[in-house]
Amino acid sequence: MANTHSTLASLFSDIADAIRAKTGGSASITADNFPSEIASIPSGGGVPESFDDVLFPTEVNENE
């Protein structure tokens, strides 16, 4: 269940804490900076390019 907040200060504090948890940061974040901080959090998942050759080989050598 989602947290409920009785004040905007409490809500903003929890938002800033959540941003810092994702970014590993520790600096204070003002509410005006929430959109840019959230936008800078990397998203995705997928497979890093470094694994492409292992997972998706272009040639298969059946003699190995």
PDB file of N, CA and C in Angstrom:
ATOM      1  N   MET A   1       0.843  -1.176   0.000  1.00  0.00           N
ATOM      2  CA  MET A   1       0.000   0.000   0.000  1.00  0.00           C
ATOM      3  C   MET A   1       0.890   1.242   0.000  1.00  0.00           C
ATOM      4  N   ALA A   2       0.471   2.233  -0.699  1.00  0.00           N
ATOM      5  CA  ALA A   2       1.253   3.467  -0.816  1.00  0.00           C
ATOM      6  C   ALA A   2       1.260   4.229   0.500  1.00  0.00           C
ATOM      7  N   ASN A   3       2.357   4.944   0.725  1.00  0.00           N
ATOM      8  CA  ASN A   3       2.438   5.807   1.897  1.00  0.00           C
ATOM      9  C   ASN A   3       1.477   6.969   1.741  1.00  0.00           C
ATOM     10  N   THR A   4       0.920   7.406   2.851  1.00  0.00           N
ATOM     11  CA  THR A   4       0.120   8.625   2.830  1.00  0.00           C
ATOM     12  C   THR A   4       0.899   9.680   3.584  1.00  0.00           C
ATOM     13  N   HIS A   5       0.747  10.921   3.170  1.00  0.00           N
ATOM     14  CA  HIS A   5       1.508  12.018   3.746  1.00  0.00           C
ATOM     15  C   HIS A   5       0.547  13.102   4.194  1.00  0.00           C
ATOM     16  N   SER A   6       0.786  13.609   5.390  1.00  0.00           N
ATOM     17  CA  SER A   6      -0.080  14.661   5.909  1.00  0.00           C
ATOM     18  C   SER A   6       0.405  16.051   5.508  1.00  0.00           C
ATOM     19  N   THR A   7       1.640  16.143   4.993  1.00  0.00           N
ATOM     20  CA  THR A   7       2.168  17.434   4.560  1.00  0.00           C
ATOM     21  C   THR A   7       2.932  17.264   3.251  1.00  0.00           C
ATOM     22  N   LEU A   8       3.047  18.349   2.515  1.00  0.00           N
ATOM     23  CA  LEU A   8       3.863  18.317   1.302  1.00  0.00           C
ATOM     24  C   LEU A   8       5.329  18.092   1.641  1.00  0.00           C
ATOM     25  N   ALA A   9       5.775  18.627   2.757  1.00  0.00           N
ATOM     26  CA  ALA A   9       7.174  18.440   3.165  1.00  0.00           C
ATOM     27  C   ALA A   9       7.489  16.960   3.334  1.00  0.00           C
ATOM     28  N   SER A  10       6.575  16.218   3.927  1.00  0.00           N
ATOM     29  CA  SER A  10       6.771  14.779   4.118  1.00  0.00           C
ATOM     30  C   SER A  10       6.785  14.050   2.777  1.00  0.00           C
ATOM     31  N   LEU A  11       5.859  14.423   1.889  1.00  0.00           N
ATOM     32  CA  LEU A  11       5.809  13.819   0.556  1.00  0.00           C
ATOM     33  C   LEU A  11       7.085  14.114  -0.213  1.00  0.00           C
ATOM     34  N   PHE A  12       7.507  15.379  -0.227  1.00  0.00           N
ATOM     35  CA  PHE A  12       8.711  15.756  -0.962  1.00  0.00           C
ATOM     36  C   PHE A  12       9.951  15.085  -0.395  1.00  0.00           C
ATOM     37  N   SER A  13      10.002  14.928   0.904  1.00  0.00           N
ATOM     38  CA  SER A  13      11.133  14.256   1.541  1.00  0.00           C
ATOM     39  C   SER A  13      11.216  12.800   1.075  1.00  0.00           C
ATOM     40  N   ASP A  14      10.070  12.123   1.018  1.00  0.00           N
ATOM     41  CA  ASP A  14      10.057  10.734   0.560  1.00  0.00           C
ATOM     42  C   ASP A  14      10.412  10.622  -0.923  1.00  0.00           C
ATOM     43  N   ILE A  15       9.969  11.589  -1.732  1.00  0.00           N
ATOM     44  CA  ILE A  15      10.323  11.577  -3.157  1.00  0.00           C
ATOM     45  C   ILE A  15      11.828  11.750  -3.316  1.00  0.00           C
ATOM     46  N   ALA A  16      12.397  12.715  -2.593  1.00  0.00           N
ATOM     47  CA  ALA A  16      13.843  12.943  -2.670  1.00  0.00           C
ATOM     48  C   ALA A  16      14.608  11.712  -2.194  1.00  0.00           C
ATOM     49  N   ASP A  17      14.132  11.062  -1.135  1.00  0.00           N
ATOM     50  CA  ASP A  17      14.780   9.836  -0.647  1.00  0.00           C
ATOM     51  C   ASP A  17      14.737   8.729  -1.701  1.00  0.00           C
ATOM     52  N   ALA A  18      13.601   8.610  -2.402  1.00  0.00           N
ATOM     53  CA  ALA A  18      13.467   7.580  -3.431  1.00  0.00           C
ATOM     54  C   ALA A  18      14.412   7.858  -4.604  1.00  0.00           C
ATOM     55  N   ILE A  19      14.546   9.125  -4.965  1.00  0.00           N
ATOM     56  CA  ILE A  19      15.472   9.489  -6.043  1.00  0.00           C
ATOM     57  C   ILE A  19      16.895   9.141  -5.637  1.00  0.00           C
ATOM     58  N   ARG A  20      17.270   9.524  -4.417  1.00  0.00           N
ATOM     59  CA  ARG A  20      18.628   9.226  -3.949  1.00  0.00           C
ATOM     60  C   ARG A  20      18.880   7.727  -3.871  1.00  0.00           C
ATOM     61  N   ALA A  21      17.851   6.954  -3.506  1.00  0.00           N
ATOM     62  CA  ALA A  21      18.010   5.498  -3.443  1.00  0.00           C
ATOM     63  C   ALA A  21      18.316   4.924  -4.829  1.00  0.00           C
ATOM     64  N   LYS A  22      17.715   5.497  -5.866  1.00  0.00           N
ATOM     65  CA  LYS A  22      17.948   5.015  -7.229  1.00  0.00           C
ATOM     66  C   LYS A  22      19.276   5.501  -7.799  1.00  0.00           C
ATOM     67  N   THR A  23      19.680   6.725  -7.433  1.00  0.00           N
ATOM     68  CA  THR A  23      20.882   7.299  -8.039  1.00  0.00           C
ATOM     69  C   THR A  23      22.139   7.061  -7.214  1.00  0.00           C
ATOM     70  N   GLY A  24      21.972   6.691  -5.949  1.00  0.00           N
ATOM     71  CA  GLY A  24      23.122   6.527  -5.071  1.00  0.00           C
ATOM     72  C   GLY A  24      23.641   7.848  -4.541  1.00  0.00           C
ATOM     73  N   GLY A  25      22.914   8.922  -4.794  1.00  0.00           N
ATOM     74  CA  GLY A  25      23.333  10.239  -4.335  1.00  0.00           C
ATOM     75  C   GLY A  25      23.041  10.462  -2.870  1.00  0.00           C
ATOM     76  N   SER A  26      23.592  11.534  -2.343  1.00  0.00           N
ATOM     77  CA  SER A  26      23.334  11.878  -0.942  1.00  0.00           C
ATOM     78  C   SER A  26      23.032  13.359  -0.779  1.00  0.00           C
ATOM     79  N   ALA A  27      23.125  14.127  -1.858  1.00  0.00           N
ATOM     80  CA  ALA A  27      22.900  15.566  -1.784  1.00  0.00           C
ATOM     81  C   ALA A  27      21.421  15.886  -1.634  1.00  0.00           C
ATOM     82  N   SER A  28      21.163  17.033  -1.063  1.00  0.00           N
ATOM     83  CA  SER A  28      19.799  17.532  -0.934  1.00  0.00           C
ATOM     84  C   SER A  28      19.225  17.796  -2.324  1.00  0.00           C
ATOM     85  N   ILE A  29      17.937  17.497  -2.520  1.00  0.00           N
ATOM     86  CA  ILE A  29      17.275  17.723  -3.802  1.00  0.00           C
ATOM     87  C   ILE A  29      16.041  18.580  -3.550  1.00  0.00           C
ATOM     88  N   THR A  30      15.951  19.726  -4.206  1.00  0.00           N
ATOM     89  CA  THR A  30      14.758  20.559  -4.063  1.00  0.00           C
ATOM     90  C   THR A  30      13.671  20.047  -4.993  1.00  0.00           C
ATOM     91  N   ALA A  31      12.429  20.333  -4.639  1.00  0.00           N
ATOM     92  CA  ALA A  31      11.292  19.861  -5.424  1.00  0.00           C
ATOM     93  C   ALA A  31      11.359  20.367  -6.863  1.00  0.00           C
ATOM     94  N   ASP A  32      11.877  21.558  -7.075  1.00  0.00           N
ATOM     95  CA  ASP A  32      12.009  22.086  -8.437  1.00  0.00           C
ATOM     96  C   ASP A  32      12.907  21.216  -9.302  1.00  0.00           C
ATOM     97  N   ASN A  33      13.811  20.473  -8.685  1.00  0.00           N
ATOM     98  CA  ASN A  33      14.742  19.620  -9.429  1.00  0.00           C
ATOM     99  C   ASN A  33      14.273  18.169  -9.561  1.00  0.00           C
ATOM    100  N   PHE A  34      13.128  17.827  -8.982  1.00  0.00           N
ATOM    101  CA  PHE A  34      12.643  16.448  -9.086  1.00  0.00           C
ATOM    102  C   PHE A  34      12.516  15.978 -10.536  1.00  0.00           C
ATOM    103  N   PRO A  35      11.896  16.763 -11.439  1.00  0.00           N
ATOM    104  CA  PRO A  35      11.743  16.263 -12.813  1.00  0.00           C
ATOM    105  C   PRO A  35      13.074  15.931 -13.486  1.00  0.00           C
ATOM    106  N   SER A  36      14.062  16.806 -13.361  1.00  0.00           N
ATOM    107  CA  SER A  36      15.343  16.528 -14.026  1.00  0.00           C
ATOM    108  C   SER A  36      16.083  15.384 -13.349  1.00  0.00           C
ATOM    109  N   GLU A  37      15.969  15.276 -12.025  1.00  0.00           N
ATOM    110  CA  GLU A  37      16.605  14.162 -11.314  1.00  0.00           C
ATOM    111  C   GLU A  37      15.985  12.832 -11.731  1.00  0.00           C
ATOM    112  N   ILE A  38      14.663  12.792 -11.837  1.00  0.00           N
ATOM    113  CA  ILE A  38      13.978  11.561 -12.245  1.00  0.00           C
ATOM    114  C   ILE A  38      14.323  11.217 -13.694  1.00  0.00           C
ATOM    115  N   ALA A  39      14.351  12.228 -14.552  1.00  0.00           N
ATOM    116  CA  ALA A  39      14.673  11.993 -15.968  1.00  0.00           C
ATOM    117  C   ALA A  39      16.088  11.459 -16.150  1.00  0.00           C
ATOM    118  N   SER A  40      16.983  11.761 -15.213  1.00  0.00           N
ATOM    119  CA  SER A  40      18.373  11.310 -15.358  1.00  0.00           C
ATOM    120  C   SER A  40      18.604   9.888 -14.845  1.00  0.00           C
ATOM    121  N   ILE A  41      17.579   9.278 -14.248  1.00  0.00           N
ATOM    122  CA  ILE A  41      17.719   7.900 -13.763  1.00  0.00           C
ATOM    123  C   ILE A  41      17.663   6.967 -14.970  1.00  0.00           C
ATOM    124  N   PRO A  42      18.701   6.154 -15.166  1.00  0.00           N
ATOM    125  CA  PRO A  42      18.700   5.242 -16.315  1.00  0.00           C
ATOM    126  C   PRO A  42      17.559   4.238 -16.199  1.00  0.00           C
ATOM    127  N   SER A  43      17.003   3.901 -17.327  1.00  0.00           N
ATOM    128  CA  SER A  43      15.939   2.898 -17.334  1.00  0.00           C
ATOM    129  C   SER A  43      16.299   1.813 -18.325  1.00  0.00           C
ATOM    130  N   GLY A  44      15.497   0.837 -18.370  1.00  0.00           N
ATOM    131  CA  GLY A  44      15.747  -0.220 -19.342  1.00  0.00           C
ATOM    132  C   GLY A  44      15.876  -1.549 -18.661  1.00  0.00           C
ATOM    133  N   GLY A  45      16.893  -2.201 -18.931  1.00  0.00           N
ATOM    134  CA  GLY A  45      17.101  -3.568 -18.499  1.00  0.00           C
ATOM    135  C   GLY A  45      17.870  -4.205 -19.614  1.00  0.00           C
ATOM    136  N   GLY A  46      17.245  -5.061 -20.308  1.00  0.00           N
ATOM    137  CA  GLY A  46      17.857  -5.626 -21.493  1.00  0.00           C
ATOM    138  C   GLY A  46      19.240  -6.193 -21.255  1.00  0.00           C
ATOM    139  N   VAL A  47      19.903  -6.457 -22.322  1.00  0.00           N
ATOM    140  CA  VAL A  47      21.222  -7.080 -22.291  1.00  0.00           C
ATOM    141  C   VAL A  47      22.273  -6.050 -22.684  1.00  0.00           C
ATOM    142  N   PRO A  48      23.287  -5.865 -21.855  1.00  0.00           N
ATOM    143  CA  PRO A  48      24.354  -4.945 -22.252  1.00  0.00           C
ATOM    144  C   PRO A  48      25.008  -5.411 -23.548  1.00  0.00           C
ATOM    145  N   GLU A  49      25.473  -4.469 -24.331  1.00  0.00           N
ATOM    146  CA  GLU A  49      26.100  -4.817 -25.617  1.00  0.00           C
ATOM    147  C   GLU A  49      27.251  -5.797 -25.450  1.00  0.00           C
ATOM    148  N   SER A  50      27.936  -5.760 -24.329  1.00  0.00           N
ATOM    149  CA  SER A  50      29.087  -6.641 -24.130  1.00  0.00           C
ATOM    150  C   SER A  50      28.695  -8.115 -24.111  1.00  0.00           C
ATOM    151  N   PHE A  51      27.440  -8.422 -23.870  1.00  0.00           N
ATOM    152  CA  PHE A  51      26.993  -9.810 -23.846  1.00  0.00           C
ATOM    153  C   PHE A  51      26.425 -10.279 -25.183  1.00  0.00           C
ATOM    154  N   ASP A  52      26.283  -9.365 -26.134  1.00  0.00           N
ATOM    155  CA  ASP A  52      25.677  -9.726 -27.413  1.00  0.00           C
ATOM    156  C   ASP A  52      26.411 -10.872 -28.102  1.00  0.00           C
ATOM    157  N   ASP A  53      27.735 -10.840 -28.124  1.00  0.00           N
ATOM    158  CA  ASP A  53      28.488 -11.891 -28.803  1.00  0.00           C
ATOM    159  C   ASP A  53      28.321 -13.245 -28.134  1.00  0.00           C
ATOM    160  N   VAL A  54      28.122 -13.230 -26.839  1.00  0.00           N
ATOM    161  CA  VAL A  54      27.956 -14.487 -26.108  1.00  0.00           C
ATOM    162  C   VAL A  54      26.558 -15.045 -26.315  1.00  0.00           C
ATOM    163  N   LEU A  55      25.569 -14.171 -26.213  1.00  0.00           N
ATOM    164  CA  LEU A  55      24.187 -14.636 -26.294  1.00  0.00           C
ATOM    165  C   LEU A  55      23.670 -14.782 -27.717  1.00  0.00           C
ATOM    166  N   PHE A  56      24.213 -13.985 -28.628  1.00  0.00           N
ATOM    167  CA  PHE A  56      23.722 -13.976 -30.006  1.00  0.00           C
ATOM    168  C   PHE A  56      24.887 -14.075 -30.979  1.00  0.00           C
ATOM    169  N   PRO A  57      25.574 -15.216 -31.012  1.00  0.00           N
ATOM    170  CA  PRO A  57      26.724 -15.338 -31.905  1.00  0.00           C
ATOM    171  C   PRO A  57      26.287 -15.243 -33.363  1.00  0.00           C
ATOM    172  N   THR A  58      27.141 -14.633 -34.183  1.00  0.00           N
ATOM    173  CA  THR A  58      26.818 -14.511 -35.606  1.00  0.00           C
ATOM    174  C   THR A  58      27.196 -15.769 -36.376  1.00  0.00           C
ATOM    175  N   GLU A  59      28.152 -16.523 -35.864  1.00  0.00           N
ATOM    176  CA  GLU A  59      28.560 -17.767 -36.498  1.00  0.00           C
ATOM    177  C   GLU A  59      28.542 -18.888 -35.462  1.00  0.00           C
ATOM    178  N   VAL A  60      28.092 -20.025 -35.861  1.00  0.00           N
ATOM    179  CA  VAL A  60      28.085 -21.182 -34.968  1.00  0.00           C
ATOM    180  C   VAL A  60      29.082 -22.193 -35.501  1.00  0.00           C
ATOM    181  N   ASN A  61      30.050 -22.549 -34.671  1.00  0.00           N
ATOM    182  CA  ASN A  61      31.053 -23.544 -35.065  1.00  0.00           C
ATOM    183  C   ASN A  61      30.653 -24.857 -34.404  1.00  0.00           C
ATOM    184  N   GLU A  62      30.115 -25.771 -35.197  1.00  0.00           N
ATOM    185  CA  GLU A  62      29.639 -27.034 -34.650  1.00  0.00           C
ATOM    186  C   GLU A  62      30.767 -27.982 -34.285  1.00  0.00           C
ATOM    187  N   ASN A  63      32.025 -27.655 -34.633  1.00  0.00           N
ATOM    188  CA  ASN A  63      33.160 -28.526 -34.320  1.00  0.00           C
ATOM    189  C   ASN A  63      33.714 -28.267 -32.923  1.00  0.00           C
ATOM    190  N   GLU A  64      33.196 -27.272 -32.244  1.00  0.00           N
ATOM    191  CA  GLU A  64      33.735 -26.961 -30.902  1.00  0.00           C
ATOM    192  C   GLU A  64      33.036 -27.753 -29.844  1.00  0.00           C
TER     193      GLU A  64
END
